[in-house]
Amino acid sequence: MGATFSGAIWGDATGALAGPQLREADLSEADLSGAELLYADLRSSNLSRANLTRASMEGADLSDAVLAETVLVQAGFLGSNLSRISLRTAFIDNASFKYARLIDADLDGVDFEEGELTGAFLNGATAVGANFERARMSGSKLVGTKANAANLLGADLSWADLTGASLSQATLSGVDWTGATCPDGAIVTGSAVWSCEDHLAE
């Protein structure tokens, strides 16, 4: 069993107090359910098989962290930095990644169904075969994202930037493309360009 920090509160929601310094910490199998790790420095930390159910990680820096088999049920990552992490084996259910930075992250096969990714940065991420069905992704950045064979059925991609993204064989039925920038640079205006389905640049 790992360490137990259930319900622990670290940091300050206003950002006035520096978050906990846990860079390169071994928190594998730790119980962090309900913990508030606001603005925490968790760079390169090991959170393998940790329980982050209902944990608040607002503003935390988890870049290069290990989240193998990590439980992320109703976890909040508002504005967090998750660059270069892998969520392939994480268990995600109703977690929020609003305005989070998932730059160059490995999201292949990850299930984000009905997930909250509004304003998230997925630039350079790989999300091959990922499930974004009915996900909220308005204003998100997917520049150069590889989402081949991803399921985007009914996803909200309004005002998203998909410049250079790869969407070959992706399911795109029912996507809200309002104001989106397509992979080939075309912008959905509702007049000349109605969707990005004919502007995939591939």
C-alpha atoms as a PDB file:
ATOM      1  CA  MET A   1       0.000   0.000   0.000  1.00  0.00           C
ATOM      2  CA  GLY A   2       1.117   3.525  -0.745  1.00  0.00           C
ATOM      3  CA  ALA A   3       0.920   6.569   1.477  1.00  0.00           C
ATOM      4  CA  THR A   4      -2.504   7.972   2.383  1.00  0.00           C
ATOM      5  CA  PHE A   5      -3.248  11.671   1.928  1.00  0.00           C
ATOM      6  CA  SER A   6      -7.021  11.402   1.528  1.00  0.00           C
ATOM      7  CA  GLY A   7      -8.619  14.826   1.938  1.00  0.00           C
ATOM      8  CA  ALA A   8      -5.295  16.614   2.367  1.00  0.00           C
ATOM      9  CA  ILE A   9      -5.241  20.308   1.435  1.00  0.00           C
ATOM     10  CA  TRP A  10      -2.044  21.840   0.091  1.00  0.00           C
ATOM     11  CA  GLY A  11      -1.674  25.214  -1.550  1.00  0.00           C
ATOM     12  CA  ASP A  12      -4.059  28.122  -1.905  1.00  0.00           C
ATOM     13  CA  ALA A  13      -6.831  28.466  -4.477  1.00  0.00           C
ATOM     14  CA  THR A  14      -5.836  32.107  -4.962  1.00  0.00           C
ATOM     15  CA  GLY A  15      -2.272  31.130  -5.816  1.00  0.00           C
ATOM     16  CA  ALA A  16      -1.018  33.423  -3.052  1.00  0.00           C
ATOM     17  CA  LEU A  17       0.661  30.503  -1.328  1.00  0.00           C
ATOM     18  CA  ALA A  18       3.089  28.296  -3.207  1.00  0.00           C
ATOM     19  CA  GLY A  19       1.886  24.749  -3.759  1.00  0.00           C
ATOM     20  CA  PRO A  20       3.666  21.731  -2.314  1.00  0.00           C
ATOM     21  CA  GLN A  21       7.063  20.883  -3.754  1.00  0.00           C
ATOM     22  CA  LEU A  22       6.774  17.238  -4.778  1.00  0.00           C
ATOM     23  CA  ARG A  23       9.025  17.171  -7.820  1.00  0.00           C
ATOM     24  CA  GLU A  24      10.224  13.625  -8.596  1.00  0.00           C
ATOM     25  CA  ALA A  25       8.300  12.337  -5.548  1.00  0.00           C
ATOM     26  CA  ASP A  26       7.304   8.683  -5.385  1.00  0.00           C
ATOM     27  CA  LEU A  27       3.548   8.747  -4.778  1.00  0.00           C
ATOM     28  CA  SER A  28       2.876   5.396  -6.393  1.00  0.00           C
ATOM     29  CA  GLU A  29      -0.241   3.718  -4.962  1.00  0.00           C
ATOM     30  CA  ALA A  30      -0.839   6.750  -2.710  1.00  0.00           C
ATOM     31  CA  ASP A  31      -4.423   7.525  -1.685  1.00  0.00           C
ATOM     32  CA  LEU A  32      -4.890  11.156  -2.740  1.00  0.00           C
ATOM     33  CA  SER A  33      -8.668  10.943  -3.000  1.00  0.00           C
ATOM     34  CA  GLY A  34     -10.248  14.306  -2.274  1.00  0.00           C
ATOM     35  CA  ALA A  35      -6.854  15.959  -1.792  1.00  0.00           C
ATOM     36  CA  GLU A  36      -6.275  19.557  -2.890  1.00  0.00           C
ATOM     37  CA  LEU A  37      -2.864  19.806  -4.540  1.00  0.00           C
ATOM     38  CA  LEU A  38      -3.304  23.370  -5.738  1.00  0.00           C
ATOM     39  CA  TYR A  39      -0.382  24.727  -7.784  1.00  0.00           C
ATOM     40  CA  ALA A  40       1.723  21.738  -6.711  1.00  0.00           C
ATOM     41  CA  ASP A  41       5.085  21.017  -8.314  1.00  0.00           C
ATOM     42  CA  LEU A  42       4.734  17.363  -9.318  1.00  0.00           C
ATOM     43  CA  ARG A  43       7.125  17.400 -12.241  1.00  0.00           C
ATOM     44  CA  SER A  44       8.524  13.937 -13.046  1.00  0.00           C
ATOM     45  CA  SER A  45       6.728  12.478 -10.029  1.00  0.00           C
ATOM     46  CA  ASN A  46       5.538   8.867  -9.930  1.00  0.00           C
ATOM     47  CA  LEU A  47       1.763   8.622  -9.485  1.00  0.00           C
ATOM     48  CA  SER A  48       1.442   5.082 -10.793  1.00  0.00           C
ATOM     49  CA  ARG A  49      -1.684   3.338  -9.440  1.00  0.00           C
ATOM     50  CA  ALA A  50      -2.381   6.344  -7.186  1.00  0.00           C
ATOM     51  CA  ASN A  51      -5.997   7.179  -6.363  1.00  0.00           C
ATOM     52  CA  LEU A  52      -6.833  10.773  -7.331  1.00  0.00           C
ATOM     53  CA  THR A  53     -10.603  10.386  -7.100  1.00  0.00           C
ATOM     54  CA  ARG A  54     -12.149  13.867  -6.664  1.00  0.00           C
ATOM     55  CA  ALA A  55      -8.674  15.359  -6.176  1.00  0.00           C
ATOM     56  CA  SER A  56      -8.187  19.003  -7.156  1.00  0.00           C
ATOM     57  CA  MET A  57      -4.968  19.639  -9.054  1.00  0.00           C
ATOM     58  CA  GLU A  58      -5.735  23.197 -10.153  1.00  0.00           C
ATOM     59  CA  GLY A  59      -2.661  24.915 -11.556  1.00  0.00           C
ATOM     60  CA  ALA A  60      -0.433  21.940 -10.705  1.00  0.00           C
ATOM     61  CA  ASP A  61       2.620  21.088 -12.816  1.00  0.00           C
ATOM     62  CA  LEU A  62       2.603  17.374 -13.626  1.00  0.00           C
ATOM     63  CA  SER A  63       4.784  17.583 -16.715  1.00  0.00           C
ATOM     64  CA  ASP A  64       6.723  14.346 -17.335  1.00  0.00           C
ATOM     65  CA  ALA A  65       4.899  12.656 -14.432  1.00  0.00           C
ATOM     66  CA  VAL A  66       4.069   8.937 -14.559  1.00  0.00           C
ATOM     67  CA  LEU A  67       0.334   8.184 -14.344  1.00  0.00           C
ATOM     68  CA  ALA A  68       0.280   4.483 -15.186  1.00  0.00           C
ATOM     69  CA  GLU A  69      -3.005   2.916 -13.995  1.00  0.00           C
ATOM     70  CA  THR A  70      -3.750   6.085 -12.008  1.00  0.00           C
ATOM     71  CA  VAL A  71      -7.401   6.540 -10.980  1.00  0.00           C
ATOM     72  CA  LEU A  72      -8.713   9.919 -12.166  1.00  0.00           C
ATOM     73  CA  VAL A  73     -12.403   9.710 -11.280  1.00  0.00           C
ATOM     74  CA  GLN A  74     -13.917  13.207 -11.038  1.00  0.00           C
ATOM     75  CA  ALA A  75     -10.416  14.660 -10.691  1.00  0.00           C
ATOM     76  CA  GLY A  76      -9.940  18.333 -11.568  1.00  0.00           C
ATOM     77  CA  PHE A  77      -6.966  19.567 -13.586  1.00  0.00           C
ATOM     78  CA  LEU A  78      -8.065  23.162 -14.232  1.00  0.00           C
ATOM     79  CA  GLY A  79      -5.139  24.950 -15.876  1.00  0.00           C
ATOM     80  CA  SER A  80      -2.726  22.166 -14.940  1.00  0.00           C
ATOM     81  CA  ASN A  81       0.414  21.349 -16.915  1.00  0.00           C
ATOM     82  CA  LEU A  82       0.274  17.718 -18.079  1.00  0.00           C
ATOM     83  CA  SER A  83       2.777  18.076 -20.892  1.00  0.00           C
ATOM     84  CA  ARG A  84       4.515  14.908 -22.093  1.00  0.00           C
ATOM     85  CA  ILE A  85       2.596  12.574 -19.802  1.00  0.00           C
ATOM     86  CA  SER A  86       0.956   9.306 -20.820  1.00  0.00           C
ATOM     87  CA  LEU A  87      -2.657   8.608 -19.884  1.00  0.00           C
ATOM     88  CA  ARG A  88      -2.872   5.371 -21.875  1.00  0.00           C
ATOM     89  CA  THR A  89      -3.550   3.156 -18.867  1.00  0.00           C
ATOM     90  CA  ALA A  90      -5.104   5.730 -16.525  1.00  0.00           C
ATOM     91  CA  PHE A  91      -8.721   5.207 -15.465  1.00  0.00           C
ATOM     92  CA  ILE A  92     -10.581   8.397 -16.382  1.00  0.00           C
ATOM     93  CA  ASP A  93     -14.222   9.030 -15.536  1.00  0.00           C
ATOM     94  CA  ASN A  94     -15.790  12.488 -15.460  1.00  0.00           C
ATOM     95  CA  ALA A  95     -12.426  14.196 -14.937  1.00  0.00           C
ATOM     96  CA  SER A  96     -11.980  17.819 -15.986  1.00  0.00           C
ATOM     97  CA  PHE A  97      -9.050  19.003 -18.093  1.00  0.00           C
ATOM     98  CA  LYS A  98     -10.404  22.502 -18.698  1.00  0.00           C
ATOM     99  CA  TYR A  99      -7.599  24.825 -19.893  1.00  0.00           C
ATOM    100  CA  ALA A 100      -5.066  22.101 -19.072  1.00  0.00           C
ATOM    101  CA  ARG A 101      -1.836  21.751 -21.047  1.00  0.00           C
ATOM    102  CA  LEU A 102      -1.568  18.283 -22.578  1.00  0.00           C
ATOM    103  CA  ILE A 103       1.162  19.297 -25.013  1.00  0.00           C
ATOM    104  CA  ASP A 104       3.029  16.335 -26.564  1.00  0.00           C
ATOM    105  CA  ALA A 105       1.060  13.979 -24.305  1.00  0.00           C
ATOM    106  CA  ASP A 106       0.429  10.317 -25.125  1.00  0.00           C
ATOM    107  CA  LEU A 107      -3.351   9.961 -25.229  1.00  0.00           C
ATOM    108  CA  ASP A 108      -3.584   6.997 -27.583  1.00  0.00           C
ATOM    109  CA  GLY A 109      -6.733   5.009 -26.897  1.00  0.00           C
ATOM    110  CA  VAL A 110      -7.755   7.149 -23.905  1.00  0.00           C
ATOM    111  CA  ASP A 111     -11.486   7.401 -23.159  1.00  0.00           C
ATOM    112  CA  PHE A 112     -12.557  11.059 -22.823  1.00  0.00           C
ATOM    113  CA  GLU A 113     -16.243  10.396 -23.561  1.00  0.00           C
ATOM    114  CA  GLU A 114     -18.298  13.441 -22.489  1.00  0.00           C
ATOM    115  CA  GLY A 115     -15.095  14.827 -21.013  1.00  0.00           C
ATOM    116  CA  GLU A 116     -14.354  18.466 -20.169  1.00  0.00           C
ATOM    117  CA  LEU A 117     -11.507  19.709 -22.375  1.00  0.00           C
ATOM    118  CA  THR A 118     -12.676  23.266 -22.983  1.00  0.00           C
ATOM    119  CA  GLY A 119      -9.714  25.478 -23.850  1.00  0.00           C
ATOM    120  CA  ALA A 120      -7.259  22.612 -23.376  1.00  0.00           C
ATOM    121  CA  PHE A 121      -3.900  22.595 -25.187  1.00  0.00           C
ATOM    122  CA  LEU A 122      -3.290  19.296 -26.998  1.00  0.00           C
ATOM    123  CA  ASN A 123      -0.657  20.622 -29.394  1.00  0.00           C
ATOM    124  CA  GLY A 124       1.588  17.834 -30.657  1.00  0.00           C
ATOM    125  CA  ALA A 125      -0.246  15.187 -28.625  1.00  0.00           C
ATOM    126  CA  THR A 126      -0.967  11.717 -29.988  1.00  0.00           C
ATOM    127  CA  ALA A 127      -4.559  10.597 -29.527  1.00  0.00           C
ATOM    128  CA  VAL A 128      -4.763   7.744 -32.013  1.00  0.00           C
ATOM    129  CA  GLY A 129      -7.929   5.751 -31.427  1.00  0.00           C
ATOM    130  CA  ALA A 130      -8.936   7.979 -28.489  1.00  0.00           C
ATOM    131  CA  ASN A 131     -12.602   8.424 -27.640  1.00  0.00           C
ATOM    132  CA  PHE A 132     -13.796  12.045 -27.578  1.00  0.00           C
ATOM    133  CA  GLU A 133     -17.472  11.258 -28.118  1.00  0.00           C
ATOM    134  CA  ARG A 134     -19.577  14.246 -27.024  1.00  0.00           C
ATOM    135  CA  ALA A 135     -16.504  15.771 -25.375  1.00  0.00           C
ATOM    136  CA  ARG A 136     -16.546  19.506 -24.658  1.00  0.00           C
ATOM    137  CA  MET A 137     -13.514  20.900 -26.511  1.00  0.00           C
ATOM    138  CA  SER A 138     -14.588  24.420 -27.438  1.00  0.00           C
ATOM    139  CA  GLY A 139     -11.608  26.724 -27.913  1.00  0.00           C
ATOM    140  CA  SER A 140      -9.119  23.894 -27.517  1.00  0.00           C
ATOM    141  CA  LYS A 141      -5.779  23.838 -29.351  1.00  0.00           C
ATOM    142  CA  LEU A 142      -5.018  20.695 -31.349  1.00  0.00           C
ATOM    143  CA  VAL A 143      -2.216  22.054 -33.519  1.00  0.00           C
ATOM    144  CA  GLY A 144      -0.328  19.115 -34.990  1.00  0.00           C
ATOM    145  CA  THR A 145      -2.300  16.632 -32.878  1.00  0.00           C
ATOM    146  CA  LYS A 146      -2.374  13.075 -34.240  1.00  0.00           C
ATOM    147  CA  ALA A 147      -5.938  11.847 -33.754  1.00  0.00           C
ATOM    148  CA  ASN A 148      -6.157   9.245 -36.487  1.00  0.00           C
ATOM    149  CA  ALA A 149      -9.052   6.811 -36.011  1.00  0.00           C
ATOM    150  CA  ALA A 150     -10.263   8.833 -33.005  1.00  0.00           C
ATOM    151  CA  ASN A 151     -13.975   8.947 -32.179  1.00  0.00           C
ATOM    152  CA  LEU A 152     -15.190  12.569 -32.199  1.00  0.00           C
ATOM    153  CA  LEU A 153     -18.878  11.751 -32.586  1.00  0.00           C
ATOM    154  CA  GLY A 154     -20.904  14.755 -31.415  1.00  0.00           C
ATOM    155  CA  ALA A 155     -17.852  16.518 -29.955  1.00  0.00           C
ATOM    156  CA  ASP A 156     -17.889  20.296 -29.488  1.00  0.00           C
ATOM    157  CA  LEU A 157     -14.914  21.651 -31.451  1.00  0.00           C
ATOM    158  CA  SER A 158     -16.310  25.154 -31.848  1.00  0.00           C
ATOM    159  CA  TRP A 159     -13.549  27.757 -32.098  1.00  0.00           C
ATOM    160  CA  ALA A 160     -10.911  25.023 -31.778  1.00  0.00           C
ATOM    161  CA  ASP A 161      -7.613  25.284 -33.678  1.00  0.00           C
ATOM    162  CA  LEU A 162      -6.813  22.055 -35.533  1.00  0.00           C
ATOM    163  CA  THR A 163      -4.085  23.439 -37.786  1.00  0.00           C
ATOM    164  CA  GLY A 164      -1.978  20.547 -39.042  1.00  0.00           C
ATOM    165  CA  ALA A 165      -3.906  17.950 -37.040  1.00  0.00           C
ATOM    166  CA  SER A 166      -4.204  14.405 -38.404  1.00  0.00           C
ATOM    167  CA  LEU A 167      -7.778  13.104 -38.426  1.00  0.00           C
ATOM    168  CA  SER A 168      -7.656  10.330 -41.012  1.00  0.00           C
ATOM    169  CA  GLN A 169     -10.234   7.600 -40.382  1.00  0.00           C
ATOM    170  CA  ALA A 170     -11.634   9.578 -37.447  1.00  0.00           C
ATOM    171  CA  THR A 171     -15.371   9.529 -36.733  1.00  0.00           C
ATOM    172  CA  LEU A 172     -16.573  13.102 -37.260  1.00  0.00           C
ATOM    173  CA  SER A 173     -20.365  12.817 -37.380  1.00  0.00           C
ATOM    174  CA  GLY A 174     -22.252  15.493 -35.478  1.00  0.00           C
ATOM    175  CA  VAL A 175     -19.171  17.562 -34.605  1.00  0.00           C
ATOM    176  CA  ASP A 176     -19.793  21.249 -33.849  1.00  0.00           C
ATOM    177  CA  TRP A 177     -17.227  22.992 -36.078  1.00  0.00           C
ATOM    178  CA  THR A 178     -18.467  26.559 -35.484  1.00  0.00           C
ATOM    179  CA  GLY A 179     -15.557  28.984 -35.910  1.00  0.00           C
ATOM    180  CA  ALA A 180     -13.002  26.162 -35.917  1.00  0.00           C
ATOM    181  CA  THR A 181      -9.704  26.370 -37.796  1.00  0.00           C
ATOM    182  CA  CYS A 182      -9.398  23.224 -39.898  1.00  0.00           C
ATOM    183  CA  PRO A 183      -6.252  21.112 -40.404  1.00  0.00           C
ATOM    184  CA  ASP A 184      -5.630  22.807 -43.771  1.00  0.00           C
ATOM    185  CA  GLY A 185      -6.043  26.293 -42.261  1.00  0.00           C
ATOM    186  CA  ALA A 186      -9.592  26.921 -43.511  1.00  0.00           C
ATOM    187  CA  ILE A 187     -11.907  28.567 -40.982  1.00  0.00           C
ATOM    188  CA  VAL A 188     -15.487  27.404 -40.555  1.00  0.00           C
ATOM    189  CA  THR A 189     -17.553  30.500 -41.196  1.00  0.00           C
ATOM    190  CA  GLY A 190     -20.952  28.970 -41.931  1.00  0.00           C
ATOM    191  CA  SER A 191     -20.887  30.409 -45.456  1.00  0.00           C
ATOM    192  CA  ALA A 192     -18.028  29.210 -47.660  1.00  0.00           C
ATOM    193  CA  VAL A 193     -16.843  26.578 -45.170  1.00  0.00           C
ATOM    194  CA  TRP A 194     -19.442  24.612 -43.230  1.00  0.00           C
ATOM    195  CA  SER A 195     -17.257  21.980 -41.555  1.00  0.00           C
ATOM    196  CA  CYS A 196     -13.708  20.667 -41.491  1.00  0.00           C
ATOM    197  CA  GLU A 197     -14.612  17.311 -43.013  1.00  0.00           C
ATOM    198  CA  ASP A 198     -13.486  18.495 -46.456  1.00  0.00           C
ATOM    199  CA  HIS A 199     -10.480  20.374 -45.075  1.00  0.00           C
ATOM    200  CA  LEU A 200      -8.426  17.666 -43.388  1.00  0.00           C
ATOM    201  CA  ALA A 201      -5.231  18.446 -45.342  1.00  0.00           C
ATOM    202  CA  GLU A 202      -4.493  14.752 -45.874  1.00  0.00           C
END
